[in-house]
């Protein structure tokens, strides 16, 4: 990765989470000055060269204050909610008002207005708003997190979902963090670019189950539900409709082939190959 060429502060959102925290630690290790924009400052990691500012995405005034004097921002998408796009728009508009010059947005693989995965449509709407502002930007569209593969497995050792024989090119969070760090250190080189970040292989969920079993030793299998079965099996959680739709369409997007294409974008940005699922799970 290129070294940071100035002492301009980089703002990082989501630093209390898995992905934002990884990026913040990488920047700190490189001696980069950064501002961690978090909802709860008490949970912010203590990192060399990092200051902390409190702001939630939906609070435009707080975001403007938090981003004052910042040129480059890592925008890790807000927690899933019915008003997430509205929160994103508020954050982006506040970033523009604060004088931010480049926004690196963590989007989702295959984001499109007609994406099968409902939350990918939200990411597309956010991307469209960022473009409309004229703000310098880079979009990192991540495939499903390889790190979360074990969490797809139910207590009975079965992955259930209507993915059929579709394939998914899961990507490691460490690889995403490396890619994001590379862009943040040299944002102008990536202005206006969109990268689709994937792992090195596209697996069926039956193959994912085989990998999980091989690495963890836990008996694991895949059951291909119908869409109707998927909605029935998730009704027990009594979650709101939008959330259940998101859960189910994660699988139907795989069935539709929308998460299957493998790219070399991780290697192009980081200089190293993307990690396969087995390596990610083995730690």
C-alpha atoms as a PDB file:
ATOM      1  CA  UNK A   1       0.000   0.000   0.000  1.00  0.00           C
ATOM      2  CA  UNK A   2       1.195   3.568  -0.602  1.00  0.00           C
ATOM      3  CA  UNK A   3       2.224   5.458   2.503  1.00  0.00           C
ATOM      4  CA  UNK A   4       0.086   8.350   3.689  1.00  0.00           C
ATOM      5  CA  UNK A   5       1.523  11.452   1.971  1.00  0.00           C
ATOM      6  CA  UNK A   6       0.164  14.070   4.396  1.00  0.00           C
ATOM      7  CA  UNK A   7      -0.915  14.369   7.991  1.00  0.00           C
ATOM      8  CA  UNK A   8      -4.533  15.030   7.060  1.00  0.00           C
ATOM      9  CA  UNK A   9      -6.901  13.321   9.468  1.00  0.00           C
ATOM     10  CA  UNK A  10      -8.908  10.358   8.209  1.00  0.00           C
ATOM     11  CA  UNK A  11     -12.296   9.791   9.841  1.00  0.00           C
ATOM     12  CA  UNK A  12     -13.395   6.213  10.472  1.00  0.00           C
ATOM     13  CA  UNK A  13     -16.973   5.273  11.326  1.00  0.00           C
ATOM     14  CA  UNK A  14     -17.910   1.931  12.823  1.00  0.00           C
ATOM     15  CA  UNK A  15     -14.653   1.730  14.789  1.00  0.00           C
ATOM     16  CA  UNK A  16     -16.416  -0.154  17.594  1.00  0.00           C
ATOM     17  CA  UNK A  17     -17.412  -2.873  15.114  1.00  0.00           C
ATOM     18  CA  UNK A  18     -15.605  -5.726  13.426  1.00  0.00           C
ATOM     19  CA  UNK A  19     -14.805  -4.049  10.119  1.00  0.00           C
ATOM     20  CA  UNK A  20     -14.329  -0.416  11.138  1.00  0.00           C
ATOM     21  CA  UNK A  21     -12.238  -1.553  14.092  1.00  0.00           C
ATOM     22  CA  UNK A  22      -9.959  -3.541  11.817  1.00  0.00           C
ATOM     23  CA  UNK A  23      -9.411  -0.526   9.571  1.00  0.00           C
ATOM     24  CA  UNK A  24      -8.789   1.800  12.520  1.00  0.00           C
ATOM     25  CA  UNK A  25      -6.139  -0.536  13.914  1.00  0.00           C
ATOM     26  CA  UNK A  26      -4.410  -0.744  10.527  1.00  0.00           C
ATOM     27  CA  UNK A  27      -4.300   3.028  10.220  1.00  0.00           C
ATOM     28  CA  UNK A  28      -2.963   3.361  13.757  1.00  0.00           C
ATOM     29  CA  UNK A  29      -0.244   0.812  13.006  1.00  0.00           C
ATOM     30  CA  UNK A  30       0.848   3.005  10.086  1.00  0.00           C
ATOM     31  CA  UNK A  31       0.991   6.131  12.216  1.00  0.00           C
ATOM     32  CA  UNK A  32      -1.970   7.782  10.510  1.00  0.00           C
ATOM     33  CA  UNK A  33      -3.901  10.476  12.377  1.00  0.00           C
ATOM     34  CA  UNK A  34      -7.561   9.516  12.545  1.00  0.00           C
ATOM     35  CA  UNK A  35     -10.841  10.516  14.110  1.00  0.00           C
ATOM     36  CA  UNK A  36     -13.079   7.699  15.279  1.00  0.00           C
ATOM     37  CA  UNK A  37     -16.715   8.696  14.762  1.00  0.00           C
ATOM     38  CA  UNK A  38     -18.817   6.523  17.064  1.00  0.00           C
ATOM     39  CA  UNK A  39     -22.162   6.611  18.796  1.00  0.00           C
ATOM     40  CA  UNK A  40     -20.732   5.638  22.174  1.00  0.00           C
ATOM     41  CA  UNK A  41     -17.252   7.080  22.872  1.00  0.00           C
ATOM     42  CA  UNK A  42     -16.816   4.792  25.875  1.00  0.00           C
ATOM     43  CA  UNK A  43     -16.645   1.823  23.483  1.00  0.00           C
ATOM     44  CA  UNK A  44     -14.106   3.356  21.100  1.00  0.00           C
ATOM     45  CA  UNK A  45     -10.763   1.548  20.895  1.00  0.00           C
ATOM     46  CA  UNK A  46      -7.758   3.320  22.364  1.00  0.00           C
ATOM     47  CA  UNK A  47      -5.382   3.773  19.433  1.00  0.00           C
ATOM     48  CA  UNK A  48      -2.264   5.834  18.907  1.00  0.00           C
ATOM     49  CA  UNK A  49      -2.952   8.978  16.896  1.00  0.00           C
ATOM     50  CA  UNK A  50      -6.729   8.618  17.191  1.00  0.00           C
ATOM     51  CA  UNK A  51      -9.213  11.093  18.601  1.00  0.00           C
ATOM     52  CA  UNK A  52     -12.871  10.276  19.226  1.00  0.00           C
ATOM     53  CA  UNK A  53     -16.013  12.154  18.192  1.00  0.00           C
ATOM     54  CA  UNK A  54     -19.572  11.207  19.125  1.00  0.00           C
ATOM     55  CA  UNK A  55     -22.186  11.170  16.351  1.00  0.00           C
ATOM     56  CA  UNK A  56     -24.899   8.897  15.016  1.00  0.00           C
ATOM     57  CA  UNK A  57     -25.586   8.803  11.297  1.00  0.00           C
ATOM     58  CA  UNK A  58     -29.016  10.350  11.661  1.00  0.00           C
ATOM     59  CA  UNK A  59     -27.789  13.397  13.603  1.00  0.00           C
ATOM     60  CA  UNK A  60     -26.618  15.780  10.900  1.00  0.00           C
ATOM     61  CA  UNK A  61     -25.370  18.481  13.272  1.00  0.00           C
ATOM     62  CA  UNK A  62     -23.269  16.013  15.257  1.00  0.00           C
ATOM     63  CA  UNK A  63     -21.855  14.488  12.072  1.00  0.00           C
ATOM     64  CA  UNK A  64     -20.891  17.919  10.718  1.00  0.00           C
ATOM     65  CA  UNK A  65     -19.074  18.714  13.952  1.00  0.00           C
ATOM     66  CA  UNK A  66     -17.363  15.313  14.012  1.00  0.00           C
ATOM     67  CA  UNK A  67     -16.093  15.669  10.441  1.00  0.00           C
ATOM     68  CA  UNK A  68     -14.893  19.255  10.710  1.00  0.00           C
ATOM     69  CA  UNK A  69     -11.415  19.496   9.180  1.00  0.00           C
ATOM     70  CA  UNK A  70     -11.516  15.951   7.771  1.00  0.00           C
ATOM     71  CA  UNK A  71     -10.761  15.342   4.092  1.00  0.00           C
ATOM     72  CA  UNK A  72     -11.312  11.577   3.809  1.00  0.00           C
ATOM     73  CA  UNK A  73     -13.958   9.438   5.517  1.00  0.00           C
ATOM     74  CA  UNK A  74     -14.540   5.705   5.778  1.00  0.00           C
ATOM     75  CA  UNK A  75     -18.310   5.294   5.919  1.00  0.00           C
ATOM     76  CA  UNK A  76     -19.171   1.840   7.212  1.00  0.00           C
ATOM     77  CA  UNK A  77     -22.886   1.398   6.541  1.00  0.00           C
ATOM     78  CA  UNK A  78     -25.218   1.894   9.487  1.00  0.00           C
ATOM     79  CA  UNK A  79     -26.909  -0.946  11.331  1.00  0.00           C
ATOM     80  CA  UNK A  80     -29.777  -2.512   9.418  1.00  0.00           C
ATOM     81  CA  UNK A  81     -33.033  -0.660  10.032  1.00  0.00           C
ATOM     82  CA  UNK A  82     -36.096   0.506   8.080  1.00  0.00           C
ATOM     83  CA  UNK A  83     -34.681   4.042   7.867  1.00  0.00           C
ATOM     84  CA  UNK A  84     -31.071   3.151   7.063  1.00  0.00           C
ATOM     85  CA  UNK A  85     -31.083   4.931   3.682  1.00  0.00           C
ATOM     86  CA  UNK A  86     -32.418   8.095   5.332  1.00  0.00           C
ATOM     87  CA  UNK A  87     -29.654   7.885   7.951  1.00  0.00           C
ATOM     88  CA  UNK A  88     -27.076   7.438   5.204  1.00  0.00           C
ATOM     89  CA  UNK A  89     -28.347  10.461   3.297  1.00  0.00           C
ATOM     90  CA  UNK A  90     -28.183  12.582   6.429  1.00  0.00           C
ATOM     91  CA  UNK A  91     -24.601  11.473   7.048  1.00  0.00           C
ATOM     92  CA  UNK A  92     -23.516  12.107   3.458  1.00  0.00           C
ATOM     93  CA  UNK A  93     -25.104  15.567   3.359  1.00  0.00           C
ATOM     94  CA  UNK A  94     -23.424  16.464   6.654  1.00  0.00           C
ATOM     95  CA  UNK A  95     -20.085  15.262   5.283  1.00  0.00           C
ATOM     96  CA  UNK A  96     -20.497  17.571   2.296  1.00  0.00           C
ATOM     97  CA  UNK A  97     -21.384  20.471   4.586  1.00  0.00           C
ATOM     98  CA  UNK A  98     -18.295  19.760   6.708  1.00  0.00           C
ATOM     99  CA  UNK A  99     -16.029  20.043   3.681  1.00  0.00           C
ATOM    100  CA  UNK A 100     -15.141  16.362   3.286  1.00  0.00           C
ATOM    101  CA  UNK A 101     -13.499  15.737  -0.071  1.00  0.00           C
ATOM    102  CA  UNK A 102     -13.583  11.934  -0.401  1.00  0.00           C
ATOM    103  CA  UNK A 103     -15.951   9.297   0.979  1.00  0.00           C
ATOM    104  CA  UNK A 104     -15.056   5.603   0.993  1.00  0.00           C
ATOM    105  CA  UNK A 105     -18.370   3.782   1.353  1.00  0.00           C
ATOM    106  CA  UNK A 106     -18.725   0.155   2.412  1.00  0.00           C
ATOM    107  CA  UNK A 107     -21.462  -1.063   0.098  1.00  0.00           C
ATOM    108  CA  UNK A 108     -22.633  -4.528  -0.930  1.00  0.00           C
ATOM    109  CA  UNK A 109     -21.660  -6.766  -3.825  1.00  0.00           C
ATOM    110  CA  UNK A 110     -23.983  -6.355  -6.802  1.00  0.00           C
ATOM    111  CA  UNK A 111     -25.775  -3.333  -5.339  1.00  0.00           C
ATOM    112  CA  UNK A 112     -28.557  -2.414  -7.756  1.00  0.00           C
ATOM    113  CA  UNK A 113     -32.039  -0.943  -7.762  1.00  0.00           C
ATOM    114  CA  UNK A 114     -33.464  -4.350  -8.678  1.00  0.00           C
ATOM    115  CA  UNK A 115     -31.131  -6.559  -6.625  1.00  0.00           C
ATOM    116  CA  UNK A 116     -32.739  -9.685  -5.204  1.00  0.00           C
ATOM    117  CA  UNK A 117     -31.209  -9.055  -1.781  1.00  0.00           C
ATOM    118  CA  UNK A 118     -33.357  -6.266  -0.394  1.00  0.00           C
ATOM    119  CA  UNK A 119     -30.558  -4.572   1.544  1.00  0.00           C
ATOM    120  CA  UNK A 120     -28.418  -4.394  -1.610  1.00  0.00           C
ATOM    121  CA  UNK A 121     -31.087  -2.032  -2.944  1.00  0.00           C
ATOM    122  CA  UNK A 122     -30.520   0.205   0.086  1.00  0.00           C
ATOM    123  CA  UNK A 123     -26.803   0.280  -0.678  1.00  0.00           C
ATOM    124  CA  UNK A 124     -27.530   1.223  -4.271  1.00  0.00           C
ATOM    125  CA  UNK A 125     -29.746   4.082  -3.122  1.00  0.00           C
ATOM    126  CA  UNK A 126     -26.943   5.302  -0.858  1.00  0.00           C
ATOM    127  CA  UNK A 127     -24.421   5.104  -3.700  1.00  0.00           C
ATOM    128  CA  UNK A 128     -26.758   7.089  -5.938  1.00  0.00           C
ATOM    129  CA  UNK A 129     -27.080   9.814  -3.307  1.00  0.00           C
ATOM    130  CA  UNK A 130     -23.324  10.025  -2.848  1.00  0.00           C
ATOM    131  CA  UNK A 131     -22.840  10.381  -6.608  1.00  0.00           C
ATOM    132  CA  UNK A 132     -25.527  13.074  -6.787  1.00  0.00           C
ATOM    133  CA  UNK A 133     -23.691  15.237  -4.246  1.00  0.00           C
ATOM    134  CA  UNK A 134     -20.593  15.405  -6.451  1.00  0.00           C
ATOM    135  CA  UNK A 135     -18.468  14.239  -3.527  1.00  0.00           C
ATOM    136  CA  UNK A 136     -15.300  12.335  -4.391  1.00  0.00           C
ATOM    137  CA  UNK A 137     -15.990   8.695  -3.621  1.00  0.00           C
ATOM    138  CA  UNK A 138     -14.944   5.063  -3.780  1.00  0.00           C
ATOM    139  CA  UNK A 139     -17.411   2.220  -3.311  1.00  0.00           C
ATOM    140  CA  UNK A 140     -16.258  -1.069  -1.797  1.00  0.00           C
ATOM    141  CA  UNK A 141     -18.952  -3.630  -2.526  1.00  0.00           C
ATOM    142  CA  UNK A 142     -18.320  -6.563  -0.195  1.00  0.00           C
ATOM    143  CA  UNK A 143     -19.671 -10.048  -0.755  1.00  0.00           C
ATOM    144  CA  UNK A 144     -21.011 -11.978   2.256  1.00  0.00           C
ATOM    145  CA  UNK A 145     -18.501 -12.152   5.098  1.00  0.00           C
ATOM    146  CA  UNK A 146     -16.628 -15.449   5.176  1.00  0.00           C
ATOM    147  CA  UNK A 147     -16.099 -14.903   8.902  1.00  0.00           C
ATOM    148  CA  UNK A 148     -19.829 -15.255   9.478  1.00  0.00           C
ATOM    149  CA  UNK A 149     -20.233 -18.618   7.709  1.00  0.00           C
ATOM    150  CA  UNK A 150     -20.427 -20.559  11.003  1.00  0.00           C
ATOM    151  CA  UNK A 151     -23.301 -18.324  12.111  1.00  0.00           C
ATOM    152  CA  UNK A 152     -25.378 -19.585   9.190  1.00  0.00           C
ATOM    153  CA  UNK A 153     -25.412 -22.969  10.896  1.00  0.00           C
ATOM    154  CA  UNK A 154     -28.365 -23.733  13.152  1.00  0.00           C
ATOM    155  CA  UNK A 155     -28.115 -25.398  16.550  1.00  0.00           C
ATOM    156  CA  UNK A 156     -28.816 -28.716  14.815  1.00  0.00           C
ATOM    157  CA  UNK A 157     -25.780 -28.310  12.534  1.00  0.00           C
ATOM    158  CA  UNK A 158     -27.830 -27.440   9.445  1.00  0.00           C
ATOM    159  CA  UNK A 159     -27.636 -24.408   7.161  1.00  0.00           C
ATOM    160  CA  UNK A 160     -31.178 -23.764   5.960  1.00  0.00           C
ATOM    161  CA  UNK A 161     -32.176 -21.394   3.182  1.00  0.00           C
ATOM    162  CA  UNK A 162     -33.577 -21.165  -0.344  1.00  0.00           C
ATOM    163  CA  UNK A 163     -30.197 -20.853  -2.076  1.00  0.00           C
ATOM    164  CA  UNK A 164     -30.587 -23.965  -4.213  1.00  0.00           C
ATOM    165  CA  UNK A 165     -27.345 -24.809  -6.018  1.00  0.00           C
ATOM    166  CA  UNK A 166     -26.331 -21.152  -6.250  1.00  0.00           C
ATOM    167  CA  UNK A 167     -22.811 -20.071  -5.368  1.00  0.00           C
ATOM    168  CA  UNK A 168     -21.423 -17.320  -3.151  1.00  0.00           C
ATOM    169  CA  UNK A 169     -17.912 -15.807  -3.243  1.00  0.00           C
ATOM    170  CA  UNK A 170     -17.558 -15.058   0.476  1.00  0.00           C
ATOM    171  CA  UNK A 171     -14.812 -12.597   1.442  1.00  0.00           C
ATOM    172  CA  UNK A 172     -12.749 -12.262   4.623  1.00  0.00           C
ATOM    173  CA  UNK A 173     -13.225  -9.173   6.759  1.00  0.00           C
ATOM    174  CA  UNK A 174      -9.449  -8.866   7.045  1.00  0.00           C
ATOM    175  CA  UNK A 175      -9.220  -8.652   3.252  1.00  0.00           C
ATOM    176  CA  UNK A 176     -11.920  -5.969   3.165  1.00  0.00           C
ATOM    177  CA  UNK A 177     -10.068  -4.034   5.865  1.00  0.00           C
ATOM    178  CA  UNK A 178      -6.807  -4.274   3.914  1.00  0.00           C
ATOM    179  CA  UNK A 179      -8.579  -3.037   0.772  1.00  0.00           C
ATOM    180  CA  UNK A 180     -10.265  -0.169   2.595  1.00  0.00           C
ATOM    181  CA  UNK A 181      -6.984   0.875   4.189  1.00  0.00           C
ATOM    182  CA  UNK A 182      -5.269   0.937   0.796  1.00  0.00           C
ATOM    183  CA  UNK A 183      -7.961   3.233  -0.588  1.00  0.00           C
ATOM    184  CA  UNK A 184      -7.941   5.519   2.455  1.00  0.00           C
ATOM    185  CA  UNK A 185      -4.182   5.980   2.189  1.00  0.00           C
ATOM    186  CA  UNK A 186      -4.410   7.054  -1.454  1.00  0.00           C
ATOM    187  CA  UNK A 187      -8.030   8.090  -2.115  1.00  0.00           C
ATOM    188  CA  UNK A 188      -7.360  10.181  -5.212  1.00  0.00           C
ATOM    189  CA  UNK A 189      -6.037   7.122  -7.051  1.00  0.00           C
ATOM    190  CA  UNK A 190      -9.407   5.459  -6.553  1.00  0.00           C
ATOM    191  CA  UNK A 191     -11.741   8.406  -7.097  1.00  0.00           C
ATOM    192  CA  UNK A 192     -14.994   7.395  -8.773  1.00  0.00           C
ATOM    193  CA  UNK A 193     -14.119   3.698  -8.693  1.00  0.00           C
ATOM    194  CA  UNK A 194     -16.263   0.778  -7.558  1.00  0.00           C
ATOM    195  CA  UNK A 195     -14.635  -2.433  -6.383  1.00  0.00           C
ATOM    196  CA  UNK A 196     -16.438  -5.758  -5.938  1.00  0.00           C
ATOM    197  CA  UNK A 197     -14.611  -7.536  -3.114  1.00  0.00           C
ATOM    198  CA  UNK A 198     -14.851 -11.329  -3.105  1.00  0.00           C
ATOM    199  CA  UNK A 199     -13.028 -14.364  -1.892  1.00  0.00           C
ATOM    200  CA  UNK A 200     -11.040 -16.547  -4.325  1.00  0.00           C
ATOM    201  CA  UNK A 201     -13.767 -19.132  -4.858  1.00  0.00           C
ATOM    202  CA  UNK A 202     -17.523 -19.352  -5.289  1.00  0.00           C
ATOM    203  CA  UNK A 203     -19.054 -22.127  -3.210  1.00  0.00           C
ATOM    204  CA  UNK A 204     -22.488 -23.658  -2.931  1.00  0.00           C
ATOM    205  CA  UNK A 205     -23.880 -23.694   0.581  1.00  0.00           C
ATOM    206  CA  UNK A 206     -23.410 -27.460   0.601  1.00  0.00           C
ATOM    207  CA  UNK A 207     -19.724 -26.809  -0.025  1.00  0.00           C
ATOM    208  CA  UNK A 208     -19.695 -24.102   2.640  1.00  0.00           C
ATOM    209  CA  UNK A 209     -21.129 -26.673   5.075  1.00  0.00           C
ATOM    210  CA  UNK A 210     -18.375 -29.116   4.120  1.00  0.00           C
ATOM    211  CA  UNK A 211     -15.696 -26.503   4.809  1.00  0.00           C
ATOM    212  CA  UNK A 212     -17.245 -25.554   8.157  1.00  0.00           C
ATOM    213  CA  UNK A 213     -17.353 -29.212   9.184  1.00  0.00           C
ATOM    214  CA  UNK A 214     -13.778 -29.860   8.057  1.00  0.00           C
ATOM    215  CA  UNK A 215     -12.346 -26.873   9.917  1.00  0.00           C
ATOM    216  CA  UNK A 216     -14.456 -26.944  13.080  1.00  0.00           C
ATOM    217  CA  UNK A 217     -15.058 -30.673  13.359  1.00  0.00           C
ATOM    218  CA  UNK A 218     -18.752 -30.013  13.923  1.00  0.00           C
ATOM    219  CA  UNK A 219     -21.137 -32.104  11.778  1.00  0.00           C
ATOM    220  CA  UNK A 220     -22.641 -29.602   9.327  1.00  0.00           C
ATOM    221  CA  UNK A 221     -24.935 -29.925   6.330  1.00  0.00           C
ATOM    222  CA  UNK A 222     -27.106 -27.814   4.053  1.00  0.00           C
ATOM    223  CA  UNK A 223     -30.849 -28.093   3.528  1.00  0.00           C
ATOM    224  CA  UNK A 224     -32.230 -26.218   0.527  1.00  0.00           C
ATOM    225  CA  UNK A 225     -35.530 -24.768   1.690  1.00  0.00           C
ATOM    226  CA  UNK A 226     -38.235 -23.477  -0.590  1.00  0.00           C
ATOM    227  CA  UNK A 227     -38.982 -19.783  -0.212  1.00  0.00           C
ATOM    228  CA  UNK A 228     -42.215 -20.674   1.575  1.00  0.00           C
ATOM    229  CA  UNK A 229     -40.355 -22.952   3.982  1.00  0.00           C
ATOM    230  CA  UNK A 230     -37.821 -20.214   4.645  1.00  0.00           C
ATOM    231  CA  UNK A 231     -40.468 -17.718   5.706  1.00  0.00           C
ATOM    232  CA  UNK A 232     -42.188 -20.326   7.896  1.00  0.00           C
ATOM    233  CA  UNK A 233     -38.970 -21.432   9.601  1.00  0.00           C
ATOM    234  CA  UNK A 234     -38.090 -17.825  10.469  1.00  0.00           C
ATOM    235  CA  UNK A 235     -41.528 -16.866  11.749  1.00  0.00           C
ATOM    236  CA  UNK A 236     -40.539 -18.087  15.222  1.00  0.00           C
ATOM    237  CA  UNK A 237     -38.258 -15.060  15.630  1.00  0.00           C
ATOM    238  CA  UNK A 238     -41.228 -12.678  15.283  1.00  0.00           C
ATOM    239  CA  UNK A 239     -38.990 -10.194  13.471  1.00  0.00           C
ATOM    240  CA  UNK A 240     -40.436  -7.324  11.424  1.00  0.00           C
ATOM    241  CA  UNK A 241     -41.284  -8.087   7.803  1.00  0.00           C
ATOM    242  CA  UNK A 242     -38.416  -6.023   6.355  1.00  0.00           C
ATOM    243  CA  UNK A 243     -35.900  -7.970   8.421  1.00  0.00           C
ATOM    244  CA  UNK A 244     -37.301 -11.381   7.493  1.00  0.00           C
ATOM    245  CA  UNK A 245     -37.292 -10.323   3.845  1.00  0.00           C
ATOM    246  CA  UNK A 246     -33.619  -9.429   4.191  1.00  0.00           C
ATOM    247  CA  UNK A 247     -32.803 -12.789   5.758  1.00  0.00           C
ATOM    248  CA  UNK A 248     -34.614 -14.790   3.084  1.00  0.00           C
ATOM    249  CA  UNK A 249     -33.405 -12.759   0.115  1.00  0.00           C
ATOM    250  CA  UNK A 250     -29.808 -13.297   1.185  1.00  0.00           C
ATOM    251  CA  UNK A 251     -30.370 -16.882   0.083  1.00  0.00           C
ATOM    252  CA  UNK A 252     -32.523 -16.191  -2.965  1.00  0.00           C
ATOM    253  CA  UNK A 253     -29.837 -13.807  -4.210  1.00  0.00           C
ATOM    254  CA  UNK A 254     -27.396 -16.725  -4.045  1.00  0.00           C
ATOM    255  CA  UNK A 255     -29.892 -18.910  -5.902  1.00  0.00           C
ATOM    256  CA  UNK A 256     -30.211 -16.222  -8.583  1.00  0.00           C
ATOM    257  CA  UNK A 257     -26.451 -16.230  -9.141  1.00  0.00           C
ATOM    258  CA  UNK A 258     -26.040 -12.630  -7.965  1.00  0.00           C
ATOM    259  CA  UNK A 259     -23.226 -13.378  -5.484  1.00  0.00           C
ATOM    260  CA  UNK A 260     -21.259 -15.890  -7.531  1.00  0.00           C
ATOM    261  CA  UNK A 261     -18.752 -13.962  -9.658  1.00  0.00           C
ATOM    262  CA  UNK A 262     -15.201 -14.007  -8.303  1.00  0.00           C
ATOM    263  CA  UNK A 263     -13.090 -10.881  -8.837  1.00  0.00           C
ATOM    264  CA  UNK A 264      -9.416 -10.031  -8.352  1.00  0.00           C
ATOM    265  CA  UNK A 265     -10.201  -6.685  -6.718  1.00  0.00           C
ATOM    266  CA  UNK A 266      -8.848  -7.671  -3.298  1.00  0.00           C
ATOM    267  CA  UNK A 267      -5.488  -8.525  -4.839  1.00  0.00           C
ATOM    268  CA  UNK A 268      -5.498  -5.410  -7.015  1.00  0.00           C
ATOM    269  CA  UNK A 269      -5.991  -3.172  -3.987  1.00  0.00           C
ATOM    270  CA  UNK A 270      -3.896  -5.001  -1.404  1.00  0.00           C
ATOM    271  CA  UNK A 271      -1.190  -6.817  -3.345  1.00  0.00           C
ATOM    272  CA  UNK A 272      -2.103 -10.165  -1.790  1.00  0.00           C
ATOM    273  CA  UNK A 273      -4.542 -12.890  -2.747  1.00  0.00           C
ATOM    274  CA  UNK A 274      -7.947 -13.098  -1.089  1.00  0.00           C
ATOM    275  CA  UNK A 275      -8.162 -15.729   1.644  1.00  0.00           C
ATOM    276  CA  UNK A 276     -10.232 -18.868   1.002  1.00  0.00           C
ATOM    277  CA  UNK A 277     -13.025 -19.743   3.412  1.00  0.00           C
ATOM    278  CA  UNK A 278     -11.090 -22.595   5.060  1.00  0.00           C
ATOM    279  CA  UNK A 279      -8.206 -20.260   5.947  1.00  0.00           C
ATOM    280  CA  UNK A 280     -10.566 -17.655   7.372  1.00  0.00           C
ATOM    281  CA  UNK A 281     -12.302 -20.196   9.599  1.00  0.00           C
ATOM    282  CA  UNK A 282      -9.025 -21.758  10.697  1.00  0.00           C
ATOM    283  CA  UNK A 283      -7.939 -18.328  11.920  1.00  0.00           C
END
